Amino acid sequence: MNAPVAATGVLAPVSSSVDVAPAEAPRTTRFTPAEVAAHASELLRVQHAAFRVEAEILGHDDIPYLRETEEDIVDPALVWFVDLGGAGEVRGAIALTDTAAGAAARGRSVRSRAPWLITRVMVDPAFHRRGVAGRLLEQVQAKGEGLVVVTSEENPPGIRMYRKHGFTRGADLPADSGIGPLVEYEWRP
């Protein structure tokens, strides 16, 4: 019996008694409003889990995304890009909104002229360090329009990720909700 080469280049055993379909690769897609509504509870679960990890990094839980509800998830001003696993489970997501409207709705002043504000990047902790956030950022960057994200200076993992994907540091902003110093990171095509 021949052993085929798996996608990783490692020899994989062949079983003649059981046919097992290969696991479907994750996919990143833009959700329609109907898909957001259908997945709102799962998106909210992932959001809360992801921002609990950030709360641990920051040393407090005064993060507005931890208090959001499904109603906030289905806000029609948000554009969602979602990373789905082979079984259709949400592994992570990015939500965008128009920069000026999004900043005003959140009571923030954003100095960037980028058309899109990333309001949240979230990855289910079970899928950390598997490229989920990177795939999401690449999908959003493929739109070919400028992006800005506001993050805490006390969030080194997030800052490393943004820099790795070509974001540059922009304006310093006043602290928000005890989160600490905030800074804009901007990406231009």
C-alpha atoms as a PDB file:
ATOM      1  CA  MET A   1       0.000   0.000   0.000  1.00  0.00           C
ATOM      2  CA  ASN A   2       1.352   3.426  -0.956  1.00  0.00           C
ATOM      3  CA  ALA A   3       1.385   6.253   1.566  1.00  0.00           C
ATOM      4  CA  PRO A   4       0.296   9.529  -0.025  1.00  0.00           C
ATOM      5  CA  VAL A   5       1.979  12.803   0.845  1.00  0.00           C
ATOM      6  CA  ALA A   6      -0.237  15.000   3.012  1.00  0.00           C
ATOM      7  CA  ALA A   7      -0.552  18.716   2.415  1.00  0.00           C
ATOM      8  CA  THR A   8       2.139  19.336   5.028  1.00  0.00           C
ATOM      9  CA  GLY A   9       4.633  17.215   3.127  1.00  0.00           C
ATOM     10  CA  VAL A  10       4.593  14.501   5.808  1.00  0.00           C
ATOM     11  CA  LEU A  11       3.698  10.957   4.836  1.00  0.00           C
ATOM     12  CA  ALA A  12       0.197  10.061   5.957  1.00  0.00           C
ATOM     13  CA  PRO A  13      -1.011   6.503   6.541  1.00  0.00           C
ATOM     14  CA  VAL A  14      -3.645   5.104   4.228  1.00  0.00           C
ATOM     15  CA  SER A  15      -6.591   3.198   5.628  1.00  0.00           C
ATOM     16  CA  SER A  16      -8.451   0.952   3.242  1.00  0.00           C
ATOM     17  CA  SER A  17     -11.300   0.271   5.660  1.00  0.00           C
ATOM     18  CA  VAL A  18     -12.549   3.781   6.394  1.00  0.00           C
ATOM     19  CA  ASP A  19     -12.978   6.715   4.042  1.00  0.00           C
ATOM     20  CA  VAL A  20     -12.447   9.931   5.939  1.00  0.00           C
ATOM     21  CA  ALA A  21     -13.024  13.223   4.195  1.00  0.00           C
ATOM     22  CA  PRO A  22     -10.260  15.745   4.800  1.00  0.00           C
ATOM     23  CA  ALA A  23     -11.186  18.554   7.176  1.00  0.00           C
ATOM     24  CA  GLU A  24     -12.416  21.595   5.322  1.00  0.00           C
ATOM     25  CA  ALA A  25      -9.990  24.475   5.511  1.00  0.00           C
ATOM     26  CA  PRO A  26     -11.083  27.580   7.378  1.00  0.00           C
ATOM     27  CA  ARG A  27     -12.602  30.289   5.244  1.00  0.00           C
ATOM     28  CA  THR A  28     -12.940  34.005   5.748  1.00  0.00           C
ATOM     29  CA  THR A  29     -16.019  35.703   4.394  1.00  0.00           C
ATOM     30  CA  ARG A  30     -17.998  38.903   4.611  1.00  0.00           C
ATOM     31  CA  PHE A  31     -21.298  38.222   6.368  1.00  0.00           C
ATOM     32  CA  THR A  32     -24.571  39.602   5.091  1.00  0.00           C
ATOM     33  CA  PRO A  33     -26.852  41.238   7.691  1.00  0.00           C
ATOM     34  CA  ALA A  34     -28.952  38.031   7.680  1.00  0.00           C
ATOM     35  CA  GLU A  35     -25.849  35.934   8.406  1.00  0.00           C
ATOM     36  CA  VAL A  36     -24.840  38.297  11.224  1.00  0.00           C
ATOM     37  CA  ALA A  37     -28.317  37.926  12.747  1.00  0.00           C
ATOM     38  CA  ALA A  38     -28.191  34.137  12.394  1.00  0.00           C
ATOM     39  CA  HIS A  39     -24.755  33.975  14.094  1.00  0.00           C
ATOM     40  CA  ALA A  40     -25.221  36.837  16.593  1.00  0.00           C
ATOM     41  CA  SER A  41     -25.115  34.644  19.692  1.00  0.00           C
ATOM     42  CA  GLU A  42     -21.960  32.884  18.499  1.00  0.00           C
ATOM     43  CA  LEU A  43     -20.302  36.181  17.528  1.00  0.00           C
ATOM     44  CA  LEU A  44     -21.152  37.573  20.958  1.00  0.00           C
ATOM     45  CA  ARG A  45     -19.748  34.449  22.691  1.00  0.00           C
ATOM     46  CA  VAL A  46     -16.480  34.787  20.752  1.00  0.00           C
ATOM     47  CA  GLN A  47     -16.359  38.537  21.434  1.00  0.00           C
ATOM     48  CA  HIS A  48     -16.780  38.090  25.176  1.00  0.00           C
ATOM     49  CA  ALA A  49     -14.192  35.281  25.301  1.00  0.00           C
ATOM     50  CA  ALA A  50     -11.678  37.285  23.245  1.00  0.00           C
ATOM     51  CA  PHE A  51     -12.063  40.479  25.252  1.00  0.00           C
ATOM     52  CA  ARG A  52     -11.797  38.581  28.559  1.00  0.00           C
ATOM     53  CA  VAL A  53      -8.291  37.621  27.391  1.00  0.00           C
ATOM     54  CA  GLU A  54      -7.554  41.276  26.592  1.00  0.00           C
ATOM     55  CA  ALA A  55      -8.909  42.250  30.024  1.00  0.00           C
ATOM     56  CA  GLU A  56      -6.366  39.909  31.599  1.00  0.00           C
ATOM     57  CA  ILE A  57      -3.568  41.520  29.571  1.00  0.00           C
ATOM     58  CA  LEU A  58      -4.717  45.020  30.568  1.00  0.00           C
ATOM     59  CA  GLY A  59      -5.310  44.053  34.196  1.00  0.00           C
ATOM     60  CA  HIS A  60      -8.971  45.181  34.308  1.00  0.00           C
ATOM     61  CA  ASP A  61     -12.308  44.385  32.736  1.00  0.00           C
ATOM     62  CA  ASP A  62     -13.511  47.915  31.955  1.00  0.00           C
ATOM     63  CA  ILE A  63     -13.792  47.087  28.258  1.00  0.00           C
ATOM     64  CA  PRO A  64     -17.060  48.136  26.602  1.00  0.00           C
ATOM     65  CA  TYR A  65     -17.141  45.063  24.322  1.00  0.00           C
ATOM     66  CA  LEU A  66     -17.558  42.864  27.418  1.00  0.00           C
ATOM     67  CA  ARG A  67     -20.889  44.583  28.111  1.00  0.00           C
ATOM     68  CA  GLU A  68     -22.352  44.323  24.623  1.00  0.00           C
ATOM     69  CA  THR A  69     -25.411  42.286  23.698  1.00  0.00           C
ATOM     70  CA  GLU A  70     -26.657  40.604  20.527  1.00  0.00           C
ATOM     71  CA  GLU A  71     -28.398  43.883  19.701  1.00  0.00           C
ATOM     72  CA  ASP A  72     -24.971  45.539  19.451  1.00  0.00           C
ATOM     73  CA  ILE A  73     -23.692  42.731  17.217  1.00  0.00           C
ATOM     74  CA  VAL A  74     -26.505  43.203  14.662  1.00  0.00           C
ATOM     75  CA  ASP A  75     -26.010  46.987  14.462  1.00  0.00           C
ATOM     76  CA  PRO A  76     -26.603  47.722  10.751  1.00  0.00           C
ATOM     77  CA  ALA A  77     -23.681  50.189  10.726  1.00  0.00           C
ATOM     78  CA  LEU A  78     -21.241  47.305  11.237  1.00  0.00           C
ATOM     79  CA  VAL A  79     -19.685  45.306   8.400  1.00  0.00           C
ATOM     80  CA  TRP A  80     -18.556  41.861   9.593  1.00  0.00           C
ATOM     81  CA  PHE A  81     -15.784  39.665   8.196  1.00  0.00           C
ATOM     82  CA  VAL A  82     -15.813  36.247   9.825  1.00  0.00           C
ATOM     83  CA  ASP A  83     -13.383  33.323   9.901  1.00  0.00           C
ATOM     84  CA  LEU A  84     -15.306  30.045   9.857  1.00  0.00           C
ATOM     85  CA  GLY A  85     -13.972  26.599  10.640  1.00  0.00           C
ATOM     86  CA  GLY A  86     -14.755  23.488   8.622  1.00  0.00           C
ATOM     87  CA  ALA A  87     -17.944  22.831  10.590  1.00  0.00           C
ATOM     88  CA  GLY A  88     -19.104  26.431  10.137  1.00  0.00           C
ATOM     89  CA  GLU A  89     -18.105  27.528  13.640  1.00  0.00           C
ATOM     90  CA  VAL A  90     -17.004  31.125  14.179  1.00  0.00           C
ATOM     91  CA  ARG A  91     -13.286  31.178  14.935  1.00  0.00           C
ATOM     92  CA  GLY A  92     -12.895  34.934  14.807  1.00  0.00           C
ATOM     93  CA  ALA A  93     -14.253  38.138  13.318  1.00  0.00           C
ATOM     94  CA  ILE A  94     -13.525  41.752  12.487  1.00  0.00           C
ATOM     95  CA  ALA A  95     -16.193  44.443  12.497  1.00  0.00           C
ATOM     96  CA  LEU A  96     -15.787  47.664  10.524  1.00  0.00           C
ATOM     97  CA  THR A  97     -17.759  50.847  10.289  1.00  0.00           C
ATOM     98  CA  ASP A  98     -17.450  54.193   8.560  1.00  0.00           C
ATOM     99  CA  THR A  99     -14.672  55.985  10.464  1.00  0.00           C
ATOM    100  CA  ALA A 100     -16.432  59.287  11.167  1.00  0.00           C
ATOM    101  CA  ALA A 101     -19.771  57.739  12.110  1.00  0.00           C
ATOM    102  CA  GLY A 102     -18.159  54.937  14.101  1.00  0.00           C
ATOM    103  CA  ALA A 103     -15.966  57.255  16.130  1.00  0.00           C
ATOM    104  CA  ALA A 104     -18.876  59.595  16.880  1.00  0.00           C
ATOM    105  CA  ALA A 105     -21.108  56.693  17.933  1.00  0.00           C
ATOM    106  CA  ARG A 106     -18.426  55.556  20.373  1.00  0.00           C
ATOM    107  CA  GLY A 107     -17.754  59.044  21.699  1.00  0.00           C
ATOM    108  CA  ARG A 108     -14.207  59.027  20.367  1.00  0.00           C
ATOM    109  CA  SER A 109     -12.174  61.436  18.374  1.00  0.00           C
ATOM    110  CA  VAL A 110     -10.293  59.698  15.572  1.00  0.00           C
ATOM    111  CA  ARG A 111      -7.767  61.766  13.659  1.00  0.00           C
ATOM    112  CA  SER A 112      -7.224  59.346  10.792  1.00  0.00           C
ATOM    113  CA  ARG A 113      -8.695  60.090   7.372  1.00  0.00           C
ATOM    114  CA  ALA A 114      -9.000  56.355   6.608  1.00  0.00           C
ATOM    115  CA  PRO A 115     -12.527  55.514   5.447  1.00  0.00           C
ATOM    116  CA  TRP A 116     -12.934  52.407   7.626  1.00  0.00           C
ATOM    117  CA  LEU A 117     -12.645  52.063  11.405  1.00  0.00           C
ATOM    118  CA  ILE A 118     -11.990  48.564  12.730  1.00  0.00           C
ATOM    119  CA  THR A 119     -14.190  48.494  15.808  1.00  0.00           C
ATOM    120  CA  ARG A 120     -13.101  45.064  17.009  1.00  0.00           C
ATOM    121  CA  VAL A 121     -10.812  42.188  16.137  1.00  0.00           C
ATOM    122  CA  MET A 122     -11.739  39.062  18.027  1.00  0.00           C
ATOM    123  CA  VAL A 123     -10.530  35.476  17.974  1.00  0.00           C
ATOM    124  CA  ASP A 124     -11.944  32.605  19.988  1.00  0.00           C
ATOM    125  CA  PRO A 125      -9.181  31.757  22.501  1.00  0.00           C
ATOM    126  CA  ALA A 126      -9.369  28.116  21.349  1.00  0.00           C
ATOM    127  CA  PHE A 127      -8.002  29.321  17.982  1.00  0.00           C
ATOM    128  CA  HIS A 128      -5.326  31.784  19.152  1.00  0.00           C
ATOM    129  CA  ARG A 129      -1.977  31.667  17.342  1.00  0.00           C
ATOM    130  CA  ARG A 130      -3.417  29.864  14.306  1.00  0.00           C
ATOM    131  CA  GLY A 131      -3.466  32.790  11.884  1.00  0.00           C
ATOM    132  CA  VAL A 132      -7.150  33.648  12.310  1.00  0.00           C
ATOM    133  CA  ALA A 133      -6.639  37.382  12.964  1.00  0.00           C
ATOM    134  CA  GLY A 134      -4.109  37.578  10.142  1.00  0.00           C
ATOM    135  CA  ARG A 135      -6.516  35.973   7.651  1.00  0.00           C
ATOM    136  CA  LEU A 136      -9.215  38.396   8.732  1.00  0.00           C
ATOM    137  CA  LEU A 137      -6.976  41.452   8.376  1.00  0.00           C
ATOM    138  CA  GLU A 138      -5.829  40.286   4.939  1.00  0.00           C
ATOM    139  CA  GLN A 139      -9.445  39.850   3.826  1.00  0.00           C
ATOM    140  CA  VAL A 140     -10.324  43.355   5.015  1.00  0.00           C
ATOM    141  CA  GLN A 141      -7.180  44.820   3.447  1.00  0.00           C
ATOM    142  CA  ALA A 142      -8.158  43.186   0.150  1.00  0.00           C
ATOM    143  CA  LYS A 143     -10.991  45.758  -0.020  1.00  0.00           C
ATOM    144  CA  GLY A 144      -8.196  48.157  -0.979  1.00  0.00           C
ATOM    145  CA  GLU A 145      -9.411  50.976   1.262  1.00  0.00           C
ATOM    146  CA  GLY A 146      -7.674  52.638   4.204  1.00  0.00           C
ATOM    147  CA  LEU A 147      -8.217  51.270   7.707  1.00  0.00           C
ATOM    148  CA  VAL A 148      -7.719  52.629  11.182  1.00  0.00           C
ATOM    149  CA  VAL A 149      -7.906  50.852  14.517  1.00  0.00           C
ATOM    150  CA  VAL A 150      -7.726  52.337  18.006  1.00  0.00           C
ATOM    151  CA  THR A 151      -6.037  50.182  20.620  1.00  0.00           C
ATOM    152  CA  SER A 152      -4.476  50.506  24.040  1.00  0.00           C
ATOM    153  CA  GLU A 153      -0.731  51.043  24.241  1.00  0.00           C
ATOM    154  CA  GLU A 154      -0.942  48.336  26.909  1.00  0.00           C
ATOM    155  CA  ASN A 155      -1.960  45.711  24.306  1.00  0.00           C
ATOM    156  CA  PRO A 156       1.389  44.461  22.913  1.00  0.00           C
ATOM    157  CA  PRO A 157      -0.070  41.368  21.173  1.00  0.00           C
ATOM    158  CA  GLY A 158      -2.548  43.508  19.244  1.00  0.00           C
ATOM    159  CA  ILE A 159       0.061  46.124  18.348  1.00  0.00           C
ATOM    160  CA  ARG A 160       2.467  43.417  17.074  1.00  0.00           C
ATOM    161  CA  MET A 161      -0.302  41.968  14.906  1.00  0.00           C
ATOM    162  CA  TYR A 162      -1.208  45.339  13.382  1.00  0.00           C
ATOM    163  CA  ARG A 163       2.441  46.176  12.666  1.00  0.00           C
ATOM    164  CA  LYS A 164       2.988  42.749  11.112  1.00  0.00           C
ATOM    165  CA  HIS A 165       0.154  43.528   8.694  1.00  0.00           C
ATOM    166  CA  GLY A 166       1.501  46.913   7.634  1.00  0.00           C
ATOM    167  CA  PHE A 167      -0.297  49.246  10.035  1.00  0.00           C
ATOM    168  CA  THR A 168       1.686  52.270  11.170  1.00  0.00           C
ATOM    169  CA  ARG A 169       1.325  54.187  14.387  1.00  0.00           C
ATOM    170  CA  GLY A 170      -0.799  57.289  14.113  1.00  0.00           C
ATOM    171  CA  ALA A 171      -2.111  59.748  16.660  1.00  0.00           C
ATOM    172  CA  ASP A 172      -2.092  59.315  20.417  1.00  0.00           C
ATOM    173  CA  LEU A 173      -5.582  59.658  21.876  1.00  0.00           C
ATOM    174  CA  PRO A 174      -6.898  60.329  25.365  1.00  0.00           C
ATOM    175  CA  ALA A 175      -7.423  57.326  27.628  1.00  0.00           C
ATOM    176  CA  ASP A 176     -10.882  55.758  27.500  1.00  0.00           C
ATOM    177  CA  SER A 177     -12.771  53.996  30.310  1.00  0.00           C
ATOM    178  CA  GLY A 178      -9.638  53.307  32.307  1.00  0.00           C
ATOM    179  CA  ILE A 179      -8.150  51.389  29.378  1.00  0.00           C
ATOM    180  CA  GLY A 180      -5.000  53.483  29.451  1.00  0.00           C
ATOM    181  CA  PRO A 181      -3.319  55.473  26.709  1.00  0.00           C
ATOM    182  CA  LEU A 182      -4.901  54.853  23.327  1.00  0.00           C
ATOM    183  CA  VAL A 183      -3.227  55.040  19.957  1.00  0.00           C
ATOM    184  CA  GLU A 184      -4.386  54.858  16.353  1.00  0.00           C
ATOM    185  CA  TYR A 185      -2.812  52.404  13.945  1.00  0.00           C
ATOM    186  CA  GLU A 186      -3.479  53.075  10.280  1.00  0.00           C
ATOM    187  CA  TRP A 187      -3.164  51.009   7.101  1.00  0.00           C
ATOM    188  CA  ARG A 188      -3.113  52.504   3.612  1.00  0.00           C
ATOM    189  CA  PRO A 189      -3.260  50.451   0.406  1.00  0.00           C
END
